[in-house]
Amino acid sequence: MLKKLILITSLISIFAPAFAATQCGPFYLKPDKNGWFSVNGERAKTQKVTFAKGKGDYDNATIKLLVKNTKAPGMVNLEQTTRDGKGMLRAEIVRTSQSQIRIRGTYDCESSSQAELRLQTPEVITVPKRA
């Protein structure tokens, strides 16, 4: 029984994606069991993963996602590029007409364990009083 449990656990770890949950600015990217990514809890509508060096090497990959915007109506087009473990995310709000302004941003990424350490460190922010 124990041998079967160890075998099943090792097989799951081999075939599971090596991508850890990542925080990029206001976006929290996390893969599920099936390999699909979710952003801030919203599953991607489309995704494309391109590996720069070898298949399954998420430390050198580009991930393109189209996700429903959780804070406003519409969609967000995301592209996360990771090279040698350092990630960067480009985000752009999908426009429904050419007359709308283009809204886009670039964010540095860090693994969720690094983000948790940063969140646990207290930071003092002083807010000036209004006159």
N, C-alpha and C. Protein backbone atom coordinates (compact mmCIF):
# COMPACT_ATOMS: atom_id res chain seq x y z
N MET A 1 0.82 -1.20 0.00
CA MET A 1 0.00 0.00 0.00
C MET A 1 0.86 1.25 0.00
N LEU A 2 1.90 1.25 0.85
CA LEU A 2 2.78 2.41 0.94
C LEU A 2 3.55 2.61 -0.36
N LYS A 3 3.95 1.50 -1.00
CA LYS A 3 4.68 1.58 -2.27
C LYS A 3 3.81 2.21 -3.35
N LYS A 4 2.52 1.84 -3.38
CA LYS A 4 1.60 2.41 -4.36
C LYS A 4 1.41 3.90 -4.13
N LEU A 5 1.30 4.30 -2.87
CA LEU A 5 1.13 5.71 -2.53
C LEU A 5 2.35 6.52 -2.96
N ILE A 6 3.54 5.98 -2.72
CA ILE A 6 4.77 6.67 -3.12
C ILE A 6 4.86 6.76 -4.64
N LEU A 7 4.49 5.71 -5.34
CA LEU A 7 4.52 5.70 -6.80
C LEU A 7 3.55 6.74 -7.37
N ILE A 8 2.34 6.78 -6.85
CA ILE A 8 1.33 7.74 -7.34
C ILE A 8 1.78 9.17 -7.06
N THR A 9 2.30 9.42 -5.89
CA THR A 9 2.78 10.76 -5.53
C THR A 9 3.91 11.19 -6.44
N SER A 10 4.85 10.29 -6.73
CA SER A 10 5.97 10.65 -7.59
C SER A 10 5.52 10.90 -9.02
N LEU A 11 4.55 10.12 -9.52
CA LEU A 11 4.03 10.35 -10.87
C LEU A 11 3.31 11.69 -10.98
N ILE A 12 2.55 12.04 -9.97
CA ILE A 12 1.86 13.33 -9.99
C ILE A 12 2.87 14.47 -9.99
N SER A 13 3.92 14.35 -9.21
CA SER A 13 4.91 15.43 -9.16
C SER A 13 5.69 15.55 -10.46
N ILE A 14 5.86 14.43 -11.19
CA ILE A 14 6.58 14.48 -12.46
C ILE A 14 5.74 15.19 -13.52
N PHE A 15 4.46 14.87 -13.59
CA PHE A 15 3.62 15.41 -14.64
C PHE A 15 2.95 16.73 -14.31
N ALA A 16 3.01 17.17 -13.08
CA ALA A 16 2.42 18.45 -12.70
C ALA A 16 3.28 19.58 -13.24
N PRO A 17 2.69 20.71 -13.64
CA PRO A 17 3.48 21.81 -14.14
C PRO A 17 4.41 22.35 -13.06
N ALA A 18 5.60 22.75 -13.50
CA ALA A 18 6.62 23.23 -12.55
C ALA A 18 6.45 24.70 -12.23
N PHE A 19 5.44 25.33 -12.76
CA PHE A 19 5.20 26.75 -12.55
C PHE A 19 4.57 26.95 -11.18
N ALA A 20 5.22 27.74 -10.35
CA ALA A 20 4.67 28.04 -9.03
C ALA A 20 3.75 29.25 -9.13
N ALA A 21 2.91 29.44 -8.17
CA ALA A 21 2.05 30.62 -8.14
C ALA A 21 2.92 31.86 -8.11
N THR A 22 2.50 32.89 -8.86
CA THR A 22 3.32 34.08 -9.05
C THR A 22 2.49 35.33 -8.85
N GLN A 23 3.07 36.33 -8.21
CA GLN A 23 2.44 37.64 -8.01
C GLN A 23 3.16 38.64 -8.92
N CYS A 24 2.40 39.28 -9.81
CA CYS A 24 2.94 40.30 -10.72
C CYS A 24 2.07 41.55 -10.56
N GLY A 25 2.53 42.49 -9.75
CA GLY A 25 1.73 43.68 -9.48
C GLY A 25 0.40 43.26 -8.87
N PRO A 26 -0.74 43.72 -9.45
CA PRO A 26 -2.04 43.34 -8.89
C PRO A 26 -2.55 41.98 -9.38
N PHE A 27 -1.76 41.28 -10.19
CA PHE A 27 -2.19 40.02 -10.78
C PHE A 27 -1.53 38.84 -10.08
N TYR A 28 -2.36 37.85 -9.69
CA TYR A 28 -1.89 36.63 -9.02
C TYR A 28 -2.14 35.47 -9.97
N LEU A 29 -1.08 34.92 -10.57
CA LEU A 29 -1.18 33.82 -11.53
C LEU A 29 -0.92 32.50 -10.84
N LYS A 30 -1.81 31.53 -11.12
CA LYS A 30 -1.67 30.22 -10.48
C LYS A 30 -2.18 29.16 -11.44
N PRO A 31 -1.39 28.09 -11.66
CA PRO A 31 -1.87 27.00 -12.52
C PRO A 31 -2.76 26.04 -11.73
N ASP A 32 -3.71 25.40 -12.43
CA ASP A 32 -4.52 24.39 -11.76
C ASP A 32 -4.00 22.99 -12.12
N LYS A 33 -4.70 21.97 -11.70
CA LYS A 33 -4.25 20.59 -11.92
C LYS A 33 -4.17 20.23 -13.40
N ASN A 34 -5.01 20.84 -14.22
CA ASN A 34 -5.07 20.52 -15.64
C ASN A 34 -4.09 21.33 -16.48
N GLY A 35 -3.34 22.23 -15.84
CA GLY A 35 -2.38 23.04 -16.59
C GLY A 35 -2.92 24.39 -17.03
N TRP A 36 -4.20 24.68 -16.77
CA TRP A 36 -4.76 25.98 -17.11
C TRP A 36 -4.44 26.97 -16.01
N PHE A 37 -4.22 28.22 -16.40
CA PHE A 37 -3.87 29.26 -15.44
C PHE A 37 -5.11 30.03 -15.02
N SER A 38 -5.09 30.49 -13.78
CA SER A 38 -6.12 31.41 -13.31
C SER A 38 -5.41 32.68 -12.85
N VAL A 39 -6.07 33.80 -13.06
CA VAL A 39 -5.53 35.10 -12.67
C VAL A 39 -6.53 35.72 -11.71
N ASN A 40 -6.08 35.98 -10.48
CA ASN A 40 -6.95 36.51 -9.42
C ASN A 40 -8.21 35.66 -9.25
N GLY A 41 -8.06 34.34 -9.38
CA GLY A 41 -9.18 33.43 -9.20
C GLY A 41 -10.03 33.21 -10.43
N GLU A 42 -9.78 33.93 -11.50
CA GLU A 42 -10.56 33.82 -12.74
C GLU A 42 -9.78 32.97 -13.74
N ARG A 43 -10.39 31.87 -14.22
CA ARG A 43 -9.69 30.97 -15.15
C ARG A 43 -9.53 31.66 -16.50
N ALA A 44 -8.38 31.44 -17.13
CA ALA A 44 -8.09 32.04 -18.43
C ALA A 44 -9.04 31.50 -19.50
N LYS A 45 -9.49 32.39 -20.39
CA LYS A 45 -10.36 31.98 -21.49
C LYS A 45 -9.52 31.32 -22.58
N THR A 46 -8.33 31.89 -22.87
CA THR A 46 -7.39 31.29 -23.80
C THR A 46 -6.01 31.37 -23.19
N GLN A 47 -5.15 30.43 -23.57
CA GLN A 47 -3.77 30.49 -23.10
C GLN A 47 -2.86 29.82 -24.11
N LYS A 48 -1.63 30.33 -24.17
CA LYS A 48 -0.62 29.75 -25.04
C LYS A 48 0.70 29.81 -24.29
N VAL A 49 1.37 28.68 -24.15
CA VAL A 49 2.66 28.62 -23.46
C VAL A 49 3.72 28.26 -24.49
N THR A 50 4.78 29.10 -24.56
CA THR A 50 5.90 28.86 -25.46
C THR A 50 7.16 28.74 -24.62
N PHE A 51 7.85 27.62 -24.76
CA PHE A 51 9.08 27.40 -24.00
C PHE A 51 10.28 27.85 -24.83
N ALA A 52 11.15 28.65 -24.22
CA ALA A 52 12.31 29.19 -24.95
C ALA A 52 13.42 28.16 -25.08
N LYS A 53 13.62 27.33 -24.08
CA LYS A 53 14.74 26.37 -24.12
C LYS A 53 14.24 24.95 -24.28
N GLY A 54 13.61 24.40 -23.26
CA GLY A 54 13.14 23.02 -23.34
C GLY A 54 11.70 22.92 -22.88
N LYS A 55 11.01 21.90 -23.39
CA LYS A 55 9.60 21.71 -23.01
C LYS A 55 9.49 21.48 -21.50
N GLY A 56 8.57 22.18 -20.86
CA GLY A 56 8.36 22.06 -19.42
C GLY A 56 9.25 22.97 -18.59
N ASP A 57 10.12 23.76 -19.25
CA ASP A 57 11.03 24.68 -18.54
C ASP A 57 10.33 26.02 -18.34
N TYR A 58 9.57 26.13 -17.24
CA TYR A 58 8.82 27.35 -16.98
C TYR A 58 9.72 28.51 -16.52
N ASP A 59 11.00 28.24 -16.23
CA ASP A 59 11.94 29.32 -15.90
C ASP A 59 12.37 30.08 -17.15
N ASN A 60 12.07 29.55 -18.33
CA ASN A 60 12.39 30.18 -19.60
C ASN A 60 11.20 30.00 -20.54
N ALA A 61 10.10 30.70 -20.25
CA ALA A 61 8.87 30.51 -21.01
C ALA A 61 8.12 31.83 -21.18
N THR A 62 7.23 31.85 -22.16
CA THR A 62 6.31 32.97 -22.36
C THR A 62 4.90 32.41 -22.29
N ILE A 63 4.07 33.03 -21.45
CA ILE A 63 2.70 32.58 -21.25
C ILE A 63 1.77 33.72 -21.65
N LYS A 64 0.91 33.47 -22.63
CA LYS A 64 -0.06 34.47 -23.09
C LYS A 64 -1.44 34.03 -22.64
N LEU A 65 -2.15 34.95 -21.98
CA LEU A 65 -3.47 34.65 -21.42
C LEU A 65 -4.47 35.72 -21.80
N LEU A 66 -5.71 35.32 -21.97
CA LEU A 66 -6.83 36.24 -22.11
C LEU A 66 -7.78 35.91 -20.97
N VAL A 67 -8.00 36.90 -20.08
CA VAL A 67 -8.75 36.66 -18.85
C VAL A 67 -9.84 37.72 -18.70
N LYS A 68 -10.96 37.30 -18.11
CA LYS A 68 -12.02 38.26 -17.79
C LYS A 68 -11.52 39.20 -16.71
N ASN A 69 -11.77 40.49 -16.87
CA ASN A 69 -11.36 41.50 -15.90
C ASN A 69 -12.23 41.36 -14.65
N THR A 70 -11.60 41.20 -13.50
CA THR A 70 -12.36 41.01 -12.26
C THR A 70 -12.80 42.32 -11.62
N LYS A 71 -12.20 43.44 -12.03
CA LYS A 71 -12.52 44.72 -11.39
C LYS A 71 -13.38 45.64 -12.26
N ALA A 72 -13.55 45.30 -13.53
CA ALA A 72 -14.35 46.12 -14.45
C ALA A 72 -14.84 45.20 -15.57
N PRO A 73 -15.83 45.66 -16.33
CA PRO A 73 -16.28 44.82 -17.45
C PRO A 73 -15.20 44.74 -18.53
N GLY A 74 -15.17 43.63 -19.23
CA GLY A 74 -14.22 43.47 -20.32
C GLY A 74 -13.19 42.39 -20.03
N MET A 75 -12.16 42.37 -20.88
CA MET A 75 -11.12 41.35 -20.81
C MET A 75 -9.75 42.01 -20.66
N VAL A 76 -8.79 41.22 -20.17
CA VAL A 76 -7.41 41.67 -20.02
C VAL A 76 -6.52 40.69 -20.78
N ASN A 77 -5.64 41.23 -21.62
CA ASN A 77 -4.68 40.43 -22.36
C ASN A 77 -3.37 40.45 -21.59
N LEU A 78 -2.86 39.30 -21.17
CA LEU A 78 -1.65 39.21 -20.35
C LEU A 78 -0.58 38.42 -21.07
N GLU A 79 0.66 38.86 -20.91
CA GLU A 79 1.80 38.12 -21.44
C GLU A 79 2.90 38.11 -20.39
N GLN A 80 3.17 36.93 -19.83
CA GLN A 80 4.22 36.81 -18.84
C GLN A 80 5.43 36.15 -19.48
N THR A 81 6.56 36.84 -19.42
CA THR A 81 7.81 36.33 -19.96
C THR A 81 8.76 36.06 -18.80
N THR A 82 9.29 34.85 -18.75
CA THR A 82 10.23 34.48 -17.70
C THR A 82 11.53 34.03 -18.35
N ARG A 83 12.63 34.63 -17.95
CA ARG A 83 13.95 34.24 -18.43
C ARG A 83 14.85 34.01 -17.24
N ASP A 84 15.40 32.81 -17.14
CA ASP A 84 16.28 32.42 -16.04
C ASP A 84 15.64 32.67 -14.68
N GLY A 85 14.33 32.43 -14.59
CA GLY A 85 13.63 32.55 -13.32
C GLY A 85 13.14 33.95 -12.98
N LYS A 86 13.50 34.97 -13.78
CA LYS A 86 13.05 36.35 -13.53
C LYS A 86 11.89 36.66 -14.46
N GLY A 87 10.75 37.04 -13.86
CA GLY A 87 9.54 37.22 -14.65
C GLY A 87 9.13 38.67 -14.81
N MET A 88 8.41 38.93 -15.92
CA MET A 88 7.83 40.24 -16.20
C MET A 88 6.48 40.01 -16.86
N LEU A 89 5.48 40.79 -16.45
CA LEU A 89 4.13 40.65 -16.98
C LEU A 89 3.74 41.93 -17.69
N ARG A 90 3.24 41.78 -18.92
CA ARG A 90 2.66 42.89 -19.66
C ARG A 90 1.15 42.68 -19.68
N ALA A 91 0.41 43.71 -19.29
CA ALA A 91 -1.06 43.62 -19.25
C ALA A 91 -1.65 44.74 -20.09
N GLU A 92 -2.70 44.43 -20.81
CA GLU A 92 -3.40 45.44 -21.62
C GLU A 92 -4.89 45.15 -21.58
N ILE A 93 -5.67 46.19 -21.31
CA ILE A 93 -7.13 46.07 -21.35
C ILE A 93 -7.55 45.94 -22.81
N VAL A 94 -8.36 44.94 -23.11
CA VAL A 94 -8.83 44.73 -24.48
C VAL A 94 -9.89 45.79 -24.79
N ARG A 95 -9.65 46.54 -25.85
CA ARG A 95 -10.57 47.61 -26.25
C ARG A 95 -11.69 47.04 -27.11
N THR A 96 -12.89 47.57 -26.94
CA THR A 96 -14.02 47.12 -27.76
C THR A 96 -14.21 47.99 -28.98
N SER A 97 -13.56 49.16 -29.00
CA SER A 97 -13.60 50.02 -30.19
C SER A 97 -12.28 50.79 -30.28
N GLN A 98 -11.94 51.22 -31.47
CA GLN A 98 -10.69 51.95 -31.70
C GLN A 98 -10.68 53.32 -31.02
N SER A 99 -11.84 53.85 -30.71
CA SER A 99 -11.90 55.18 -30.10
C SER A 99 -11.55 55.17 -28.60
N GLN A 100 -11.54 53.99 -27.99
CA GLN A 100 -11.19 53.89 -26.58
C GLN A 100 -9.69 54.06 -26.40
N ILE A 101 -9.32 54.61 -25.23
CA ILE A 101 -7.89 54.78 -24.96
C ILE A 101 -7.26 53.42 -24.66
N ARG A 102 -5.97 53.33 -24.94
CA ARG A 102 -5.24 52.09 -24.68
C ARG A 102 -4.70 52.14 -23.26
N ILE A 103 -5.01 51.13 -22.46
CA ILE A 103 -4.53 51.05 -21.08
C ILE A 103 -3.66 49.81 -20.97
N ARG A 104 -2.40 50.02 -20.61
CA ARG A 104 -1.50 48.88 -20.46
C ARG A 104 -0.47 49.15 -19.38
N GLY A 105 0.12 48.09 -18.87
CA GLY A 105 1.11 48.23 -17.82
C GLY A 105 2.09 47.07 -17.84
N THR A 106 3.23 47.28 -17.20
CA THR A 106 4.27 46.26 -17.09
C THR A 106 4.60 46.09 -15.61
N TYR A 107 4.71 44.84 -15.18
CA TYR A 107 4.94 44.54 -13.77
C TYR A 107 6.05 43.51 -13.63
N ASP A 108 6.87 43.65 -12.59
CA ASP A 108 7.84 42.63 -12.23
C ASP A 108 7.12 41.53 -11.48
N CYS A 109 7.59 40.30 -11.63
CA CYS A 109 6.95 39.15 -11.00
C CYS A 109 7.86 38.54 -9.95
N GLU A 110 7.23 37.97 -8.94
CA GLU A 110 7.95 37.21 -7.93
C GLU A 110 7.10 36.02 -7.53
N SER A 111 7.77 34.94 -7.13
CA SER A 111 7.03 33.74 -6.74
C SER A 111 6.21 34.04 -5.49
N SER A 112 5.18 33.26 -5.27
CA SER A 112 4.28 33.54 -4.15
C SER A 112 4.99 33.45 -2.81
N SER A 113 6.02 32.59 -2.69
CA SER A 113 6.74 32.50 -1.42
C SER A 113 7.50 33.80 -1.14
N GLN A 114 8.07 34.43 -2.18
CA GLN A 114 8.74 35.73 -2.00
C GLN A 114 7.73 36.80 -1.66
N ALA A 115 6.56 36.76 -2.29
CA ALA A 115 5.53 37.76 -2.03
C ALA A 115 5.01 37.64 -0.60
N GLU A 116 4.85 36.40 -0.10
CA GLU A 116 4.39 36.21 1.27
C GLU A 116 5.39 36.77 2.27
N LEU A 117 6.68 36.57 2.02
CA LEU A 117 7.71 37.12 2.90
C LEU A 117 7.64 38.64 2.92
N ARG A 118 7.43 39.23 1.74
CA ARG A 118 7.37 40.68 1.64
C ARG A 118 6.13 41.21 2.36
N LEU A 119 5.01 40.48 2.26
CA LEU A 119 3.78 40.92 2.91
C LEU A 119 3.87 40.81 4.43
N GLN A 120 4.67 39.87 4.93
CA GLN A 120 4.79 39.70 6.36
C GLN A 120 5.68 40.76 7.00
N THR A 121 6.51 41.43 6.20
CA THR A 121 7.38 42.47 6.72
C THR A 121 6.56 43.76 6.86
N PRO A 122 6.38 44.29 8.05
CA PRO A 122 5.56 45.48 8.22
C PRO A 122 6.24 46.71 7.60
N GLU A 123 5.43 47.54 7.00
CA GLU A 123 5.92 48.76 6.38
C GLU A 123 5.10 49.93 6.94
N VAL A 124 5.78 50.95 7.39
CA VAL A 124 5.11 52.10 7.98
C VAL A 124 4.87 53.14 6.89
N ILE A 125 3.61 53.49 6.73
CA ILE A 125 3.25 54.51 5.73
C ILE A 125 2.59 55.65 6.47
N THR A 126 3.10 56.85 6.30
CA THR A 126 2.49 58.02 6.93
C THR A 126 1.66 58.77 5.90
N VAL A 127 0.48 59.11 6.29
CA VAL A 127 -0.44 59.83 5.40
C VAL A 127 -0.53 61.27 5.91
N PRO A 128 -0.25 62.24 5.04
CA PRO A 128 -0.34 63.63 5.49
C PRO A 128 -1.80 64.01 5.75
N LYS A 129 -2.00 64.84 6.77
CA LYS A 129 -3.35 65.29 7.12
C LYS A 129 -3.79 66.39 6.19
N ARG A 130 -5.08 66.38 5.90
CA ARG A 130 -5.64 67.43 5.03
C ARG A 130 -5.81 68.70 5.84
N ALA A 131 -5.62 69.82 5.19
CA ALA A 131 -5.76 71.11 5.86
C ALA A 131 -7.21 71.54 5.91
